[in-house]
Amino acid sequence: MSKLEAPDREQFPHFRTISTRWKDNDIYGHVNNVEYYSFFDTVINAWLIEEGGLDIHSGDTIGVCAESHCRFLASVEFPQAVEAGIRLGKLGNSSVRYEIGLFDDQGKPLAEGWFVHVFVDRESRVPGLIPESIRTSLERLAEPAR
């Protein structure tokens, strides 16, 4: 069995620093694995709100998670911060696949994964076209790191 390569920070065009919290640690003294998915959700939704204009409270379109995956690489513990990077994996008409890398403050990879959002009508939950402002912001995630 071949060992998969860990992600490199240079592969991600956007980062968000996320503080760990005391409650994130589990009985073994490190941040519990389920929190890694929360880091994914945070970096993605912050991007959509801040860069794409997603209105989480009253917009007609919302993104729902259809699929996600996380590969654990190293542990982190409170009070360390996590550097969450995202890039565009695949952009469709109503869905997007993000690729995410989590790193410590020294650039050491902590985890990698992917997350698929399907954009749906808030009321009917029927998939629809990704709104233009969101699509434009997602396209910027395909650009090389700066």
C-alpha atoms as a PDB file:
ATOM      1  CA  MET A   1       0.000   0.000   0.000  1.00  0.00           C
ATOM      2  CA  SER A   2       1.442   3.361  -0.990  1.00  0.00           C
ATOM      3  CA  LYS A   3       1.372   6.288   1.396  1.00  0.00           C
ATOM      4  CA  LEU A   4      -0.682   9.263   0.205  1.00  0.00           C
ATOM      5  CA  GLU A   5       1.091  12.589   0.067  1.00  0.00           C
ATOM      6  CA  ALA A   6       0.080  15.220   2.587  1.00  0.00           C
ATOM      7  CA  PRO A   7      -1.304  18.499   1.238  1.00  0.00           C
ATOM      8  CA  ASP A   8       0.964  21.506   0.826  1.00  0.00           C
ATOM      9  CA  ARG A   9      -0.105  25.000   1.927  1.00  0.00           C
ATOM     10  CA  GLU A  10       0.891  26.361  -1.480  1.00  0.00           C
ATOM     11  CA  GLN A  11      -1.965  24.386  -3.066  1.00  0.00           C
ATOM     12  CA  PHE A  12      -4.639  26.572  -1.430  1.00  0.00           C
ATOM     13  CA  PRO A  13      -5.512  30.119  -2.531  1.00  0.00           C
ATOM     14  CA  HIS A  14      -7.433  31.106   0.609  1.00  0.00           C
ATOM     15  CA  PHE A  15      -6.857  30.589   4.342  1.00  0.00           C
ATOM     16  CA  ARG A  16      -8.756  31.334   7.513  1.00  0.00           C
ATOM     17  CA  THR A  17      -7.291  31.052  10.998  1.00  0.00           C
ATOM     18  CA  ILE A  18      -9.634  29.223  13.345  1.00  0.00           C
ATOM     19  CA  SER A  19      -9.077  29.179  17.095  1.00  0.00           C
ATOM     20  CA  THR A  20      -9.515  25.907  18.891  1.00  0.00           C
ATOM     21  CA  ARG A  21     -11.631  26.006  22.020  1.00  0.00           C
ATOM     22  CA  TRP A  22     -11.248  24.322  25.389  1.00  0.00           C
ATOM     23  CA  LYS A  23     -14.330  22.198  24.697  1.00  0.00           C
ATOM     24  CA  ASP A  24     -12.812  20.876  21.431  1.00  0.00           C
ATOM     25  CA  ASN A  25     -10.324  18.683  23.332  1.00  0.00           C
ATOM     26  CA  ASP A  26     -11.435  15.159  24.081  1.00  0.00           C
ATOM     27  CA  ILE A  27     -10.469  12.895  26.972  1.00  0.00           C
ATOM     28  CA  TYR A  28      -7.258  11.959  25.140  1.00  0.00           C
ATOM     29  CA  GLY A  29      -6.027  15.565  25.250  1.00  0.00           C
ATOM     30  CA  HIS A  30      -6.371  16.512  21.592  1.00  0.00           C
ATOM     31  CA  VAL A  31      -9.051  18.100  19.426  1.00  0.00           C
ATOM     32  CA  ASN A  32     -11.681  15.471  18.680  1.00  0.00           C
ATOM     33  CA  ASN A  33     -12.004  14.309  15.090  1.00  0.00           C
ATOM     34  CA  VAL A  34     -15.545  15.680  14.635  1.00  0.00           C
ATOM     35  CA  GLU A  35     -14.210  19.205  15.157  1.00  0.00           C
ATOM     36  CA  TYR A  36     -12.177  18.877  11.961  1.00  0.00           C
ATOM     37  CA  TYR A  37     -15.480  18.835  10.037  1.00  0.00           C
ATOM     38  CA  SER A  38     -16.481  21.980  11.899  1.00  0.00           C
ATOM     39  CA  PHE A  39     -13.262  23.645  10.707  1.00  0.00           C
ATOM     40  CA  PHE A  40     -14.207  22.641   7.129  1.00  0.00           C
ATOM     41  CA  ASP A  41     -17.687  24.120   7.550  1.00  0.00           C
ATOM     42  CA  THR A  42     -16.297  27.337   9.039  1.00  0.00           C
ATOM     43  CA  VAL A  43     -13.777  28.129   6.300  1.00  0.00           C
ATOM     44  CA  ILE A  44     -16.288  27.321   3.537  1.00  0.00           C
ATOM     45  CA  ASN A  45     -19.262  29.229   4.917  1.00  0.00           C
ATOM     46  CA  ALA A  46     -17.186  32.237   5.969  1.00  0.00           C
ATOM     47  CA  TRP A  47     -15.940  32.420   2.348  1.00  0.00           C
ATOM     48  CA  LEU A  48     -19.473  32.153   0.938  1.00  0.00           C
ATOM     49  CA  ILE A  49     -20.797  34.866   3.266  1.00  0.00           C
ATOM     50  CA  GLU A  50     -17.866  37.283   3.037  1.00  0.00           C
ATOM     51  CA  GLU A  51     -16.840  36.783  -0.604  1.00  0.00           C
ATOM     52  CA  GLY A  52     -19.952  35.402  -2.289  1.00  0.00           C
ATOM     53  CA  GLY A  53     -22.664  37.385  -0.546  1.00  0.00           C
ATOM     54  CA  LEU A  54     -24.518  34.335   0.767  1.00  0.00           C
ATOM     55  CA  ASP A  55     -27.403  35.501   2.950  1.00  0.00           C
ATOM     56  CA  ILE A  56     -27.738  32.705   5.516  1.00  0.00           C
ATOM     57  CA  HIS A  57     -30.736  34.296   7.222  1.00  0.00           C
ATOM     58  CA  SER A  58     -33.089  35.269   4.426  1.00  0.00           C
ATOM     59  CA  GLY A  59     -31.549  34.499   1.033  1.00  0.00           C
ATOM     60  CA  ASP A  60     -33.524  32.455  -1.486  1.00  0.00           C
ATOM     61  CA  THR A  61     -30.628  30.026  -2.006  1.00  0.00           C
ATOM     62  CA  ILE A  62     -28.784  28.000   0.617  1.00  0.00           C
ATOM     63  CA  GLY A  63     -26.017  25.414   0.412  1.00  0.00           C
ATOM     64  CA  VAL A  64     -26.566  21.970   1.917  1.00  0.00           C
ATOM     65  CA  CYS A  65     -23.821  19.440   2.500  1.00  0.00           C
ATOM     66  CA  ALA A  66     -24.334  16.418   0.281  1.00  0.00           C
ATOM     67  CA  GLU A  67     -21.026  14.673   0.943  1.00  0.00           C
ATOM     68  CA  SER A  68     -17.856  15.149   2.974  1.00  0.00           C
ATOM     69  CA  HIS A  69     -14.629  13.345   3.787  1.00  0.00           C
ATOM     70  CA  CYS A  70     -11.706  13.951   6.142  1.00  0.00           C
ATOM     71  CA  ARG A  71      -8.303  12.257   6.274  1.00  0.00           C
ATOM     72  CA  PHE A  72      -6.627  12.807   9.641  1.00  0.00           C
ATOM     73  CA  LEU A  73      -2.874  13.456   9.480  1.00  0.00           C
ATOM     74  CA  ALA A  74      -1.866  14.898  12.858  1.00  0.00           C
ATOM     75  CA  SER A  75      -3.411  16.023  16.096  1.00  0.00           C
ATOM     76  CA  VAL A  76      -3.866  19.524  17.406  1.00  0.00           C
ATOM     77  CA  GLU A  77      -4.838  20.626  20.884  1.00  0.00           C
ATOM     78  CA  PHE A  78      -6.219  23.679  22.611  1.00  0.00           C
ATOM     79  CA  PRO A  79      -5.039  26.485  22.561  1.00  0.00           C
ATOM     80  CA  GLN A  80      -3.469  25.936  19.129  1.00  0.00           C
ATOM     81  CA  ALA A  81      -4.975  27.655  16.113  1.00  0.00           C
ATOM     82  CA  VAL A  82      -5.773  25.885  12.863  1.00  0.00           C
ATOM     83  CA  GLU A  83      -5.023  27.369   9.452  1.00  0.00           C
ATOM     84  CA  ALA A  84      -7.831  26.166   7.168  1.00  0.00           C
ATOM     85  CA  GLY A  85      -7.177  26.401   3.431  1.00  0.00           C
ATOM     86  CA  ILE A  86      -9.715  25.905   0.655  1.00  0.00           C
ATOM     87  CA  ARG A  87      -9.569  25.541  -3.091  1.00  0.00           C
ATOM     88  CA  LEU A  88     -12.041  24.694  -5.792  1.00  0.00           C
ATOM     89  CA  GLY A  89     -12.244  21.011  -6.628  1.00  0.00           C
ATOM     90  CA  LYS A  90     -15.127  20.993  -9.133  1.00  0.00           C
ATOM     91  CA  LEU A  91     -17.765  23.555  -9.984  1.00  0.00           C
ATOM     92  CA  GLY A  92     -21.056  22.378 -11.467  1.00  0.00           C
ATOM     93  CA  ASN A  93     -24.364  24.086 -12.184  1.00  0.00           C
ATOM     94  CA  SER A  94     -25.913  23.530  -8.754  1.00  0.00           C
ATOM     95  CA  SER A  95     -23.054  22.012  -6.766  1.00  0.00           C
ATOM     96  CA  VAL A  96     -19.454  22.607  -5.818  1.00  0.00           C
ATOM     97  CA  ARG A  97     -16.752  20.379  -4.387  1.00  0.00           C
ATOM     98  CA  TYR A  98     -14.284  22.159  -2.142  1.00  0.00           C
ATOM     99  CA  GLU A  99     -10.910  20.709  -1.210  1.00  0.00           C
ATOM    100  CA  ILE A 100      -9.716  21.627   2.255  1.00  0.00           C
ATOM    101  CA  GLY A 101      -6.352  21.455   4.006  1.00  0.00           C
ATOM    102  CA  LEU A 102      -5.872  22.026   7.724  1.00  0.00           C
ATOM    103  CA  PHE A 103      -2.447  23.115   8.951  1.00  0.00           C
ATOM    104  CA  ASP A 104      -0.836  24.182  12.204  1.00  0.00           C
ATOM    105  CA  ASP A 105       0.841  27.581  12.539  1.00  0.00           C
ATOM    106  CA  GLN A 106       4.144  26.089  11.315  1.00  0.00           C
ATOM    107  CA  GLY A 107       2.553  24.777   8.106  1.00  0.00           C
ATOM    108  CA  LYS A 108       2.428  21.131   9.227  1.00  0.00           C
ATOM    109  CA  PRO A 109      -0.561  19.343   7.661  1.00  0.00           C
ATOM    110  CA  LEU A 110      -3.195  18.266  10.186  1.00  0.00           C
ATOM    111  CA  ALA A 111      -5.919  16.956   7.864  1.00  0.00           C
ATOM    112  CA  GLU A 112      -7.226  17.103   4.341  1.00  0.00           C
ATOM    113  CA  GLY A 113     -10.625  16.498   2.906  1.00  0.00           C
ATOM    114  CA  TRP A 114     -13.407  17.528   0.634  1.00  0.00           C
ATOM    115  CA  PHE A 115     -16.916  18.844   1.026  1.00  0.00           C
ATOM    116  CA  VAL A 116     -19.745  18.996  -1.525  1.00  0.00           C
ATOM    117  CA  HIS A 117     -22.387  21.702  -1.329  1.00  0.00           C
ATOM    118  CA  VAL A 118     -25.574  21.528  -3.371  1.00  0.00           C
ATOM    119  CA  PHE A 119     -27.300  24.882  -3.705  1.00  0.00           C
ATOM    120  CA  VAL A 120     -31.043  24.624  -3.207  1.00  0.00           C
ATOM    121  CA  ASP A 121     -34.078  26.844  -2.899  1.00  0.00           C
ATOM    122  CA  ARG A 122     -34.516  27.680   0.800  1.00  0.00           C
ATOM    123  CA  GLU A 123     -38.224  26.760   0.833  1.00  0.00           C
ATOM    124  CA  SER A 124     -38.579  23.846  -1.590  1.00  0.00           C
ATOM    125  CA  ARG A 125     -35.070  22.377  -1.132  1.00  0.00           C
ATOM    126  CA  VAL A 126     -34.975  21.801  -4.893  1.00  0.00           C
ATOM    127  CA  PRO A 127     -31.488  22.223  -6.423  1.00  0.00           C
ATOM    128  CA  GLY A 128     -31.039  25.329  -8.539  1.00  0.00           C
ATOM    129  CA  LEU A 129     -28.320  27.254 -10.314  1.00  0.00           C
ATOM    130  CA  ILE A 130     -25.565  28.651  -8.135  1.00  0.00           C
ATOM    131  CA  PRO A 131     -26.205  32.412  -7.813  1.00  0.00           C
ATOM    132  CA  GLU A 132     -23.791  34.488  -9.917  1.00  0.00           C
ATOM    133  CA  SER A 133     -22.127  36.282  -6.979  1.00  0.00           C
ATOM    134  CA  ILE A 134     -21.397  32.952  -5.307  1.00  0.00           C
ATOM    135  CA  ARG A 135     -20.223  31.353  -8.575  1.00  0.00           C
ATOM    136  CA  THR A 136     -17.809  34.237  -9.163  1.00  0.00           C
ATOM    137  CA  SER A 137     -16.370  33.874  -5.660  1.00  0.00           C
ATOM    138  CA  LEU A 138     -16.009  30.101  -6.112  1.00  0.00           C
ATOM    139  CA  GLU A 139     -14.144  30.586  -9.391  1.00  0.00           C
ATOM    140  CA  ARG A 140     -11.579  32.668  -7.498  1.00  0.00           C
ATOM    141  CA  LEU A 141     -10.834  29.583  -5.372  1.00  0.00           C
ATOM    142  CA  ALA A 142      -9.423  27.937  -8.499  1.00  0.00           C
ATOM    143  CA  GLU A 143      -6.688  30.566  -8.764  1.00  0.00           C
ATOM    144  CA  PRO A 144      -3.187  29.662  -7.608  1.00  0.00           C
ATOM    145  CA  ALA A 145      -2.067  30.670  -4.128  1.00  0.00           C
ATOM    146  CA  ARG A 146      -0.707  34.196  -3.789  1.00  0.00           C
END
